[in-house]
C-alpha cells in the first residue's frame, strides 16, 4: 500500500448522509441535496483568509437571490444556487491553485458537475452566461464587503457591473438551512 492511499476506499468519500460517493466516477443517483447543503455551509470562502466566516453556501444563496432580484428564469436561478455544488464532493480550491491544477482538476470538476446537473436537472451550459456573470459580480462585491478596498485591482474586476450587498455571515447551520429553503423553493416550481 502506498503512503498516499492510506485511509481511503478507492476514489470514494464518506458522505454526511451516509454511504460513499466516487469522486472519480460520480453518479447522479449518489448526489444528495442534504450533503451539498451541509458541506457547502461548512466550507469558508476565500480559503478561509477572511476576518469573519462566510461560507460557500452563503455565496450560492446570494447568487440565487441576485438572480431572483433580476427576475432571471428559474433555470438560471437553479444554476446560480448549485454552481458550486461540486465543491461539496471535491472540495474548494483557491482560484490561483485551481488555475494551476486545471489540466487535472478541470475534468474531475466537470464530471462531478455533470452528475449534479443530471441529479437536479440543471442546465449549467445553456445558462452559463447568466450565472457566471452573477457569480463574478458577486465575487467582486464580496471582495469589497469583506476585505474593503486595498487599492489593488483583481483581474478583470472592472469588467463586471458594480453590485453592493451586505453579507449575513450565517453560521454553518443557518447557511445550511437557508440553502435548503432556497432549493425547496426551486423544487416547488
N, C-alpha and C. Protein backbone atom coordinates (compact mmCIF):
# COMPACT_ATOMS: atom_id res chain seq x y z
N UNK A 1 0.85 -1.19 0.00
CA UNK A 1 0.00 0.00 0.00
C UNK A 1 0.89 1.23 0.00
N UNK A 2 0.51 2.20 -0.82
CA UNK A 2 1.28 3.44 -0.86
C UNK A 2 0.87 4.33 0.30
N UNK A 3 1.78 5.18 0.69
CA UNK A 3 1.52 6.13 1.76
C UNK A 3 0.32 7.01 1.42
N UNK A 4 0.22 7.44 0.16
CA UNK A 4 -0.86 8.32 -0.27
C UNK A 4 -2.22 7.66 -0.20
N UNK A 5 -2.28 6.32 -0.32
CA UNK A 5 -3.57 5.61 -0.33
C UNK A 5 -4.05 5.23 1.07
N UNK A 6 -3.26 5.50 2.09
CA UNK A 6 -3.68 5.14 3.45
C UNK A 6 -4.99 5.84 3.82
N UNK A 7 -5.93 5.10 4.36
CA UNK A 7 -7.16 5.67 4.88
C UNK A 7 -8.21 6.01 3.84
N UNK A 8 -8.09 5.48 2.63
CA UNK A 8 -9.11 5.75 1.61
C UNK A 8 -9.76 4.44 1.19
N UNK A 9 -10.90 4.56 0.56
CA UNK A 9 -11.60 3.42 -0.02
C UNK A 9 -11.76 3.73 -1.51
N UNK A 10 -10.74 3.35 -2.27
CA UNK A 10 -10.73 3.66 -3.70
C UNK A 10 -10.75 5.16 -3.90
N UNK A 11 -11.62 5.61 -4.79
CA UNK A 11 -11.73 7.05 -5.05
C UNK A 11 -13.04 7.60 -4.48
N UNK A 12 -13.45 7.02 -3.34
CA UNK A 12 -14.71 7.45 -2.72
C UNK A 12 -14.46 8.28 -1.47
N UNK A 13 -15.49 9.04 -1.12
CA UNK A 13 -15.50 9.77 0.15
C UNK A 13 -16.73 9.32 0.93
N UNK A 14 -16.64 9.33 2.22
CA UNK A 14 -17.78 9.04 3.09
C UNK A 14 -18.64 10.28 3.17
N UNK A 15 -19.94 10.10 2.99
CA UNK A 15 -20.86 11.23 2.94
C UNK A 15 -21.49 11.56 4.28
N UNK A 16 -21.86 12.80 4.45
CA UNK A 16 -22.59 13.26 5.63
C UNK A 16 -23.87 12.45 5.83
N UNK A 17 -24.59 12.17 4.73
CA UNK A 17 -25.86 11.43 4.82
C UNK A 17 -25.67 9.93 4.88
N UNK A 18 -24.42 9.46 4.87
CA UNK A 18 -24.13 8.04 4.90
C UNK A 18 -23.75 7.57 3.50
N UNK A 19 -23.19 6.41 3.44
CA UNK A 19 -22.79 5.88 2.14
C UNK A 19 -21.52 6.53 1.63
N UNK A 20 -21.21 6.23 0.39
CA UNK A 20 -19.99 6.70 -0.24
C UNK A 20 -20.31 7.34 -1.59
N UNK A 21 -19.40 8.19 -2.02
CA UNK A 21 -19.53 8.89 -3.30
C UNK A 21 -18.19 8.78 -3.99
N UNK A 22 -18.21 8.35 -5.23
CA UNK A 22 -16.98 8.17 -6.01
C UNK A 22 -16.66 9.45 -6.78
N UNK A 23 -15.62 10.16 -6.35
CA UNK A 23 -15.28 11.44 -6.98
C UNK A 23 -14.67 11.25 -8.36
N UNK A 24 -14.14 10.06 -8.64
CA UNK A 24 -13.55 9.78 -9.94
C UNK A 24 -14.61 9.35 -10.95
N UNK A 25 -15.62 8.65 -10.48
CA UNK A 25 -16.71 8.15 -11.32
C UNK A 25 -18.05 8.51 -10.68
N UNK A 26 -18.36 9.81 -10.64
CA UNK A 26 -19.58 10.24 -9.94
C UNK A 26 -20.85 9.80 -10.66
N UNK A 27 -21.85 9.48 -9.85
CA UNK A 27 -23.15 9.07 -10.40
C UNK A 27 -24.24 9.97 -9.84
N UNK A 28 -25.16 10.36 -10.69
CA UNK A 28 -26.25 11.25 -10.28
C UNK A 28 -27.06 10.65 -9.13
N UNK A 29 -27.23 9.35 -9.13
CA UNK A 29 -28.04 8.72 -8.07
C UNK A 29 -27.38 8.79 -6.69
N UNK A 30 -26.10 9.16 -6.64
CA UNK A 30 -25.41 9.30 -5.35
C UNK A 30 -25.40 10.74 -4.84
N UNK A 31 -25.89 11.67 -5.65
CA UNK A 31 -25.90 13.09 -5.29
C UNK A 31 -27.11 13.37 -4.40
N UNK A 32 -26.87 14.05 -3.28
CA UNK A 32 -27.93 14.37 -2.33
C UNK A 32 -27.86 15.86 -1.97
N UNK A 33 -29.00 16.52 -2.00
CA UNK A 33 -29.03 17.94 -1.66
C UNK A 33 -28.63 18.17 -0.21
N UNK A 34 -28.95 17.25 0.69
CA UNK A 34 -28.57 17.44 2.09
C UNK A 34 -27.05 17.37 2.28
N UNK A 35 -26.37 16.55 1.49
CA UNK A 35 -24.89 16.55 1.53
C UNK A 35 -24.36 17.89 1.04
N UNK A 36 -24.91 18.35 -0.09
CA UNK A 36 -24.44 19.61 -0.67
C UNK A 36 -24.67 20.77 0.29
N UNK A 37 -25.87 20.89 0.83
CA UNK A 37 -26.19 22.00 1.74
C UNK A 37 -25.29 21.95 2.98
N UNK A 38 -25.12 20.77 3.54
CA UNK A 38 -24.30 20.63 4.75
C UNK A 38 -22.84 20.99 4.49
N UNK A 39 -22.28 20.41 3.44
CA UNK A 39 -20.85 20.61 3.18
C UNK A 39 -20.56 22.05 2.76
N UNK A 40 -21.34 22.60 1.82
CA UNK A 40 -21.07 23.98 1.39
C UNK A 40 -21.20 24.97 2.54
N UNK A 41 -22.06 24.66 3.50
CA UNK A 41 -22.21 25.56 4.65
C UNK A 41 -21.00 25.48 5.59
N UNK A 42 -20.19 24.43 5.44
CA UNK A 42 -19.00 24.26 6.26
C UNK A 42 -17.71 24.63 5.55
N UNK A 43 -17.79 25.06 4.29
CA UNK A 43 -16.60 25.49 3.55
C UNK A 43 -16.56 27.02 3.56
N UNK A 44 -15.46 27.57 4.01
CA UNK A 44 -15.29 29.02 4.07
C UNK A 44 -14.77 29.55 2.74
N UNK A 45 -15.37 30.63 2.26
CA UNK A 45 -14.92 31.28 1.03
C UNK A 45 -13.51 31.84 1.21
N UNK A 46 -12.86 32.09 0.09
CA UNK A 46 -11.53 32.69 0.04
C UNK A 46 -10.49 31.88 0.83
N UNK A 47 -10.68 30.56 0.83
CA UNK A 47 -9.73 29.68 1.52
C UNK A 47 -9.65 29.94 3.01
N UNK A 48 -10.65 30.62 3.57
CA UNK A 48 -10.66 30.93 4.99
C UNK A 48 -9.87 32.17 5.37
N UNK A 49 -9.28 32.84 4.40
CA UNK A 49 -8.45 34.02 4.67
C UNK A 49 -9.31 35.28 4.74
N UNK A 50 -10.29 35.25 5.62
CA UNK A 50 -11.20 36.38 5.79
C UNK A 50 -11.42 36.64 7.27
N UNK A 51 -11.79 37.86 7.63
CA UNK A 51 -11.93 38.20 9.05
C UNK A 51 -13.13 37.57 9.74
N UNK A 52 -14.16 37.21 8.98
CA UNK A 52 -15.35 36.56 9.54
C UNK A 52 -15.74 35.40 8.65
N UNK A 53 -16.31 34.38 9.26
CA UNK A 53 -16.70 33.20 8.50
C UNK A 53 -17.82 33.54 7.51
N UNK A 54 -17.60 33.15 6.25
CA UNK A 54 -18.55 33.37 5.17
C UNK A 54 -18.46 32.14 4.28
N UNK A 55 -19.53 31.39 4.22
CA UNK A 55 -19.49 30.08 3.57
C UNK A 55 -19.77 30.11 2.08
N UNK A 56 -19.37 29.04 1.42
CA UNK A 56 -19.70 28.83 0.02
C UNK A 56 -21.22 28.73 -0.12
N UNK A 57 -21.89 28.13 0.87
CA UNK A 57 -23.36 28.06 0.82
C UNK A 57 -23.96 29.46 0.81
N UNK A 58 -23.45 30.37 1.65
CA UNK A 58 -23.99 31.73 1.66
C UNK A 58 -23.71 32.43 0.33
N UNK A 59 -22.54 32.21 -0.23
CA UNK A 59 -22.24 32.76 -1.55
C UNK A 59 -23.26 32.27 -2.58
N UNK A 60 -23.55 30.98 -2.56
CA UNK A 60 -24.51 30.39 -3.50
C UNK A 60 -25.91 30.95 -3.29
N UNK A 61 -26.27 31.13 -2.04
CA UNK A 61 -27.57 31.73 -1.70
C UNK A 61 -27.64 33.14 -2.27
N UNK A 62 -26.57 33.91 -2.11
CA UNK A 62 -26.56 35.29 -2.60
C UNK A 62 -26.60 35.33 -4.13
N UNK A 63 -25.95 34.38 -4.80
CA UNK A 63 -26.07 34.29 -6.27
C UNK A 63 -27.51 34.03 -6.66
N UNK A 64 -28.15 33.10 -5.96
CA UNK A 64 -29.57 32.78 -6.21
C UNK A 64 -30.44 34.02 -5.98
N UNK A 65 -30.21 34.72 -4.87
CA UNK A 65 -31.01 35.91 -4.56
C UNK A 65 -30.82 37.00 -5.61
N UNK A 66 -29.60 37.17 -6.09
CA UNK A 66 -29.35 38.17 -7.12
C UNK A 66 -30.09 37.78 -8.40
N UNK A 67 -30.10 36.53 -8.74
CA UNK A 67 -30.85 36.06 -9.91
C UNK A 67 -32.34 36.33 -9.73
N UNK A 68 -32.85 36.15 -8.52
CA UNK A 68 -34.25 36.45 -8.24
C UNK A 68 -34.53 37.94 -8.38
N UNK A 69 -33.64 38.78 -7.83
CA UNK A 69 -33.80 40.23 -7.94
C UNK A 69 -33.83 40.69 -9.39
N UNK A 70 -33.07 40.00 -10.23
CA UNK A 70 -33.02 40.34 -11.65
C UNK A 70 -34.16 39.69 -12.44
N UNK A 71 -35.03 38.97 -11.75
CA UNK A 71 -36.14 38.25 -12.40
C UNK A 71 -35.63 37.28 -13.47
N UNK A 72 -34.51 36.64 -13.18
CA UNK A 72 -33.96 35.64 -14.09
C UNK A 72 -34.89 34.43 -14.14
N UNK A 73 -34.89 33.69 -15.24
CA UNK A 73 -35.71 32.47 -15.34
C UNK A 73 -35.31 31.44 -14.27
N UNK A 74 -36.21 30.52 -14.01
CA UNK A 74 -35.98 29.53 -12.95
C UNK A 74 -34.76 28.67 -13.22
N UNK A 75 -34.45 28.37 -14.48
CA UNK A 75 -33.28 27.54 -14.76
C UNK A 75 -31.98 28.29 -14.42
N UNK A 76 -31.97 29.60 -14.57
CA UNK A 76 -30.80 30.40 -14.18
C UNK A 76 -30.69 30.46 -12.66
N UNK A 77 -31.81 30.62 -11.98
CA UNK A 77 -31.80 30.64 -10.52
C UNK A 77 -31.26 29.32 -9.97
N UNK A 78 -31.69 28.20 -10.56
CA UNK A 78 -31.23 26.87 -10.14
C UNK A 78 -29.73 26.75 -10.35
N UNK A 79 -29.24 27.19 -11.51
CA UNK A 79 -27.82 27.13 -11.79
C UNK A 79 -27.03 28.01 -10.82
N UNK A 80 -27.58 29.18 -10.48
CA UNK A 80 -26.90 30.07 -9.53
C UNK A 80 -26.76 29.41 -8.16
N UNK A 81 -27.81 28.77 -7.70
CA UNK A 81 -27.75 28.13 -6.38
C UNK A 81 -26.78 26.95 -6.38
N UNK A 82 -26.72 26.22 -7.47
CA UNK A 82 -25.94 24.98 -7.49
C UNK A 82 -24.61 25.08 -8.23
N UNK A 83 -24.19 26.27 -8.64
CA UNK A 83 -22.99 26.39 -9.46
C UNK A 83 -21.72 25.94 -8.75
N UNK A 84 -21.68 25.96 -7.44
CA UNK A 84 -20.50 25.48 -6.69
C UNK A 84 -20.76 24.15 -5.99
N UNK A 85 -21.84 23.48 -6.34
CA UNK A 85 -22.22 22.24 -5.64
C UNK A 85 -21.17 21.14 -5.73
N UNK A 86 -20.39 21.11 -6.81
CA UNK A 86 -19.35 20.09 -6.93
C UNK A 86 -18.34 20.18 -5.79
N UNK A 87 -18.18 21.37 -5.22
CA UNK A 87 -17.25 21.54 -4.11
C UNK A 87 -17.65 20.72 -2.88
N UNK A 88 -18.92 20.35 -2.81
CA UNK A 88 -19.36 19.50 -1.71
C UNK A 88 -18.74 18.11 -1.81
N UNK A 89 -18.32 17.72 -2.98
CA UNK A 89 -17.75 16.40 -3.20
C UNK A 89 -16.25 16.43 -3.47
N UNK A 90 -15.76 17.47 -4.10
CA UNK A 90 -14.33 17.51 -4.44
C UNK A 90 -13.57 18.60 -3.70
N UNK A 91 -14.25 19.32 -2.83
CA UNK A 91 -13.61 20.35 -2.05
C UNK A 91 -13.48 21.66 -2.81
N UNK A 92 -13.16 22.70 -2.08
CA UNK A 92 -12.95 24.01 -2.67
C UNK A 92 -11.45 24.19 -2.86
N UNK A 93 -11.09 24.80 -3.95
CA UNK A 93 -9.69 25.08 -4.25
C UNK A 93 -9.59 26.57 -4.53
N UNK A 94 -8.65 27.25 -3.87
CA UNK A 94 -8.49 28.68 -4.12
C UNK A 94 -8.15 28.89 -5.60
N UNK A 95 -8.67 29.98 -6.15
CA UNK A 95 -8.62 30.22 -7.60
C UNK A 95 -7.22 30.10 -8.21
N UNK A 96 -6.18 30.71 -7.63
CA UNK A 96 -4.86 30.57 -8.27
C UNK A 96 -4.39 29.11 -8.36
N UNK A 97 -4.67 28.32 -7.34
CA UNK A 97 -4.29 26.90 -7.38
C UNK A 97 -5.16 26.14 -8.37
N UNK A 98 -6.44 26.48 -8.45
CA UNK A 98 -7.35 25.84 -9.40
C UNK A 98 -6.87 26.05 -10.83
N UNK A 99 -6.38 27.24 -11.13
CA UNK A 99 -5.86 27.53 -12.47
C UNK A 99 -4.64 26.65 -12.74
N UNK A 100 -3.76 26.53 -11.76
CA UNK A 100 -2.56 25.69 -11.92
C UNK A 100 -2.90 24.21 -12.10
N UNK A 101 -3.93 23.76 -11.40
CA UNK A 101 -4.32 22.35 -11.44
C UNK A 101 -5.29 22.00 -12.56
N UNK A 102 -5.71 22.99 -13.34
CA UNK A 102 -6.78 22.80 -14.32
C UNK A 102 -6.65 21.56 -15.19
N UNK A 103 -5.48 21.21 -15.71
CA UNK A 103 -5.42 20.01 -16.56
C UNK A 103 -5.87 18.73 -15.83
N UNK A 104 -5.69 18.68 -14.54
CA UNK A 104 -6.11 17.52 -13.75
C UNK A 104 -7.46 17.77 -13.09
N UNK A 105 -7.56 18.90 -12.44
CA UNK A 105 -8.76 19.23 -11.66
C UNK A 105 -9.98 19.48 -12.55
N UNK A 106 -9.79 20.15 -13.67
CA UNK A 106 -10.90 20.51 -14.56
C UNK A 106 -11.77 19.34 -14.96
N UNK A 107 -11.20 18.25 -15.49
CA UNK A 107 -12.04 17.11 -15.87
C UNK A 107 -12.76 16.45 -14.68
N UNK A 108 -12.13 16.44 -13.53
CA UNK A 108 -12.78 15.88 -12.33
C UNK A 108 -13.95 16.76 -11.93
N UNK A 109 -13.73 18.07 -11.93
CA UNK A 109 -14.80 19.00 -11.60
C UNK A 109 -15.95 18.87 -12.62
N UNK A 110 -15.62 18.78 -13.90
CA UNK A 110 -16.63 18.66 -14.94
C UNK A 110 -17.49 17.41 -14.74
N UNK A 111 -16.86 16.28 -14.43
CA UNK A 111 -17.60 15.03 -14.23
C UNK A 111 -18.53 15.13 -13.04
N UNK A 112 -18.08 15.78 -11.97
CA UNK A 112 -18.92 15.93 -10.79
C UNK A 112 -20.06 16.91 -11.04
N UNK A 113 -19.78 17.98 -11.79
CA UNK A 113 -20.85 18.92 -12.16
C UNK A 113 -21.90 18.24 -13.03
N UNK A 114 -21.47 17.35 -13.91
CA UNK A 114 -22.42 16.63 -14.75
C UNK A 114 -23.33 15.74 -13.91
N UNK A 115 -22.78 15.07 -12.92
CA UNK A 115 -23.60 14.24 -12.03
C UNK A 115 -24.63 15.10 -11.29
N UNK A 116 -24.21 16.26 -10.83
CA UNK A 116 -25.12 17.18 -10.13
C UNK A 116 -26.18 17.72 -11.09
N UNK A 117 -25.75 18.10 -12.29
CA UNK A 117 -26.69 18.60 -13.29
C UNK A 117 -27.75 17.56 -13.62
N UNK A 118 -27.33 16.33 -13.73
CA UNK A 118 -28.26 15.24 -14.03
C UNK A 118 -29.19 14.98 -12.85
N UNK A 119 -28.65 14.98 -11.66
CA UNK A 119 -29.45 14.70 -10.46
C UNK A 119 -30.55 15.74 -10.25
N UNK A 120 -30.25 17.00 -10.54
CA UNK A 120 -31.19 18.08 -10.22
C UNK A 120 -31.72 18.81 -11.46
N UNK A 121 -31.50 18.24 -12.62
CA UNK A 121 -32.00 18.82 -13.86
C UNK A 121 -31.56 20.28 -14.02
N UNK A 122 -30.25 20.49 -13.89
CA UNK A 122 -29.67 21.82 -14.02
C UNK A 122 -28.94 21.89 -15.35
N UNK A 123 -29.21 22.92 -16.10
CA UNK A 123 -28.53 23.11 -17.37
C UNK A 123 -27.49 24.21 -17.19
N UNK A 124 -26.33 23.81 -16.70
CA UNK A 124 -25.26 24.79 -16.47
C UNK A 124 -24.76 25.39 -17.78
N UNK A 125 -24.76 24.60 -18.85
CA UNK A 125 -24.19 25.04 -20.12
C UNK A 125 -24.99 26.17 -20.76
N UNK A 126 -26.28 25.97 -20.93
CA UNK A 126 -27.06 26.99 -21.65
C UNK A 126 -27.33 28.24 -20.81
N UNK A 127 -27.15 28.15 -19.51
CA UNK A 127 -27.37 29.30 -18.63
C UNK A 127 -26.05 29.92 -18.16
N UNK A 128 -24.94 29.41 -18.69
CA UNK A 128 -23.62 29.81 -18.19
C UNK A 128 -23.38 31.31 -18.25
N UNK A 129 -23.76 31.97 -19.33
CA UNK A 129 -23.52 33.41 -19.43
C UNK A 129 -24.18 34.16 -18.29
N UNK A 130 -25.41 33.77 -17.94
CA UNK A 130 -26.14 34.47 -16.88
C UNK A 130 -25.58 34.15 -15.50
N UNK A 131 -25.44 32.84 -15.16
CA UNK A 131 -24.99 32.53 -13.80
C UNK A 131 -23.53 32.91 -13.59
N UNK A 132 -22.71 32.83 -14.63
CA UNK A 132 -21.31 33.20 -14.49
C UNK A 132 -21.17 34.71 -14.26
N UNK A 133 -21.98 35.51 -14.97
CA UNK A 133 -21.96 36.95 -14.75
C UNK A 133 -22.34 37.28 -13.32
N UNK A 134 -23.42 36.66 -12.84
CA UNK A 134 -23.87 36.89 -11.46
C UNK A 134 -22.80 36.46 -10.47
N UNK A 135 -22.20 35.31 -10.68
CA UNK A 135 -21.14 34.80 -9.81
C UNK A 135 -19.96 35.78 -9.76
N UNK A 136 -19.57 36.30 -10.91
CA UNK A 136 -18.44 37.23 -10.96
C UNK A 136 -18.78 38.57 -10.31
N UNK A 137 -19.97 39.08 -10.56
CA UNK A 137 -20.38 40.33 -9.93
C UNK A 137 -20.40 40.17 -8.41
N UNK A 138 -20.88 39.03 -7.95
CA UNK A 138 -20.93 38.79 -6.51
C UNK A 138 -19.53 38.62 -5.93
N UNK A 139 -18.64 37.95 -6.65
CA UNK A 139 -17.27 37.80 -6.17
C UNK A 139 -16.64 39.15 -5.87
N UNK A 140 -16.78 40.08 -6.79
CA UNK A 140 -16.18 41.40 -6.58
C UNK A 140 -16.92 42.14 -5.46
N UNK A 141 -18.23 42.00 -5.39
CA UNK A 141 -18.99 42.61 -4.29
C UNK A 141 -18.55 42.03 -2.95
N UNK A 142 -18.34 40.73 -2.89
CA UNK A 142 -17.85 40.08 -1.67
C UNK A 142 -16.48 40.60 -1.31
N UNK A 143 -15.65 40.74 -2.31
CA UNK A 143 -14.30 41.24 -2.07
C UNK A 143 -14.33 42.56 -1.31
N UNK A 144 -15.13 43.52 -1.79
CA UNK A 144 -15.18 44.83 -1.14
C UNK A 144 -15.95 44.79 0.18
N UNK A 145 -17.00 43.99 0.26
CA UNK A 145 -17.77 43.91 1.50
C UNK A 145 -16.98 43.23 2.62
N UNK A 146 -16.15 42.28 2.28
CA UNK A 146 -15.42 41.50 3.29
C UNK A 146 -14.03 42.06 3.56
N UNK A 147 -13.30 42.43 2.52
CA UNK A 147 -11.92 42.89 2.68
C UNK A 147 -11.77 44.41 2.66
N UNK A 148 -12.76 45.11 2.11
CA UNK A 148 -12.60 46.54 1.91
C UNK A 148 -11.77 46.80 0.67
N UNK A 149 -11.43 48.05 0.44
CA UNK A 149 -10.65 48.43 -0.73
C UNK A 149 -9.19 48.54 -0.34
N UNK A 150 -8.37 47.62 -0.83
CA UNK A 150 -6.94 47.66 -0.52
C UNK A 150 -6.12 48.36 -1.61
N UNK A 151 -6.82 48.91 -2.60
CA UNK A 151 -6.14 49.64 -3.67
C UNK A 151 -5.68 48.76 -4.82
N UNK A 152 -5.72 47.45 -4.67
CA UNK A 152 -5.33 46.54 -5.75
C UNK A 152 -6.54 46.19 -6.60
N UNK A 153 -6.32 45.97 -7.87
CA UNK A 153 -7.38 45.54 -8.78
C UNK A 153 -7.19 44.06 -9.07
N UNK A 154 -8.28 43.30 -8.94
CA UNK A 154 -8.24 41.89 -9.31
C UNK A 154 -8.45 41.78 -10.81
N UNK A 155 -7.98 40.72 -11.40
CA UNK A 155 -8.08 40.52 -12.84
C UNK A 155 -9.51 40.72 -13.33
N UNK A 156 -9.66 41.63 -14.26
CA UNK A 156 -10.93 41.91 -14.94
C UNK A 156 -12.07 42.36 -14.02
N UNK A 157 -11.76 42.79 -12.81
CA UNK A 157 -12.86 43.22 -11.92
C UNK A 157 -13.61 44.41 -12.48
N UNK A 158 -12.96 45.22 -13.29
CA UNK A 158 -13.65 46.37 -13.88
C UNK A 158 -14.52 45.96 -15.07
N UNK A 159 -14.54 44.68 -15.40
CA UNK A 159 -15.39 44.17 -16.49
C UNK A 159 -16.79 43.78 -16.01
N UNK A 160 -17.02 43.81 -14.69
CA UNK A 160 -18.34 43.45 -14.17
C UNK A 160 -19.07 44.69 -13.66
N UNK A 161 -20.38 44.62 -13.68
CA UNK A 161 -21.19 45.72 -13.15
C UNK A 161 -21.04 45.76 -11.63
N UNK A 162 -20.86 46.95 -11.08
CA UNK A 162 -20.77 47.05 -9.62
C UNK A 162 -22.05 46.56 -8.96
N UNK A 163 -21.89 45.87 -7.87
CA UNK A 163 -23.02 45.34 -7.12
C UNK A 163 -22.69 45.48 -5.64
N UNK A 164 -23.64 45.98 -4.89
CA UNK A 164 -23.43 46.14 -3.45
C UNK A 164 -24.34 45.19 -2.70
N UNK A 165 -23.77 44.59 -1.68
CA UNK A 165 -24.58 43.76 -0.80
C UNK A 165 -23.87 43.69 0.55
N UNK A 166 -24.61 43.28 1.54
CA UNK A 166 -24.05 43.11 2.87
C UNK A 166 -24.16 41.65 3.26
N UNK A 167 -23.04 40.99 3.50
CA UNK A 167 -23.10 39.58 3.88
C UNK A 167 -23.85 39.40 5.20
N UNK A 168 -24.55 38.29 5.32
CA UNK A 168 -25.21 37.96 6.57
C UNK A 168 -24.27 37.29 7.55
N UNK A 169 -23.19 36.71 7.05
CA UNK A 169 -22.24 35.94 7.85
C UNK A 169 -22.99 34.86 8.65
N UNK A 170 -23.78 34.07 7.92
CA UNK A 170 -24.51 32.98 8.55
C UNK A 170 -23.57 31.99 9.22
N UNK A 171 -24.04 31.43 10.32
CA UNK A 171 -23.34 30.28 10.89
C UNK A 171 -23.51 29.11 9.92
N UNK A 172 -22.70 28.07 10.03
CA UNK A 172 -22.90 26.93 9.14
C UNK A 172 -24.33 26.36 9.20
N UNK A 173 -24.90 26.26 10.38
CA UNK A 173 -26.26 25.72 10.50
C UNK A 173 -27.28 26.63 9.80
N UNK A 174 -27.13 27.95 9.97
CA UNK A 174 -28.04 28.88 9.30
C UNK A 174 -27.88 28.80 7.79
N UNK A 175 -26.64 28.77 7.31
CA UNK A 175 -26.39 28.71 5.87
C UNK A 175 -26.97 27.42 5.29
N UNK A 176 -26.79 26.32 5.98
CA UNK A 176 -27.35 25.04 5.52
C UNK A 176 -28.85 25.13 5.38
N UNK A 177 -29.51 25.67 6.40
CA UNK A 177 -30.98 25.74 6.40
C UNK A 177 -31.50 26.69 5.31
N UNK A 178 -30.87 27.85 5.15
CA UNK A 178 -31.31 28.80 4.13
C UNK A 178 -31.05 28.24 2.74
N UNK A 179 -29.91 27.60 2.54
CA UNK A 179 -29.61 26.97 1.26
C UNK A 179 -30.69 25.95 0.92
N UNK A 180 -31.04 25.14 1.90
CA UNK A 180 -32.06 24.11 1.67
C UNK A 180 -33.42 24.75 1.38
N UNK A 181 -33.74 25.84 2.06
CA UNK A 181 -35.01 26.54 1.79
C UNK A 181 -35.04 27.06 0.35
N UNK A 182 -33.94 27.63 -0.11
CA UNK A 182 -33.88 28.12 -1.49
C UNK A 182 -34.06 26.97 -2.47
N UNK A 183 -33.42 25.86 -2.20
CA UNK A 183 -33.56 24.68 -3.06
C UNK A 183 -35.01 24.20 -3.08
N UNK A 184 -35.64 24.17 -1.92
CA UNK A 184 -37.03 23.72 -1.85
C UNK A 184 -37.95 24.62 -2.65
N UNK A 185 -37.70 25.93 -2.66
CA UNK A 185 -38.48 26.86 -3.48
C UNK A 185 -38.32 26.49 -4.95
N UNK A 186 -37.09 26.23 -5.36
CA UNK A 186 -36.84 25.85 -6.75
C UNK A 186 -37.53 24.54 -7.12
N UNK A 187 -37.53 23.61 -6.20
CA UNK A 187 -38.14 22.31 -6.45
C UNK A 187 -39.66 22.39 -6.52
N UNK A 188 -40.24 23.40 -5.86
CA UNK A 188 -41.69 23.53 -5.85
C UNK A 188 -42.23 24.11 -7.15
N UNK A 189 -41.36 24.58 -8.03
CA UNK A 189 -41.75 25.17 -9.32
C UNK A 189 -42.02 24.09 -10.33
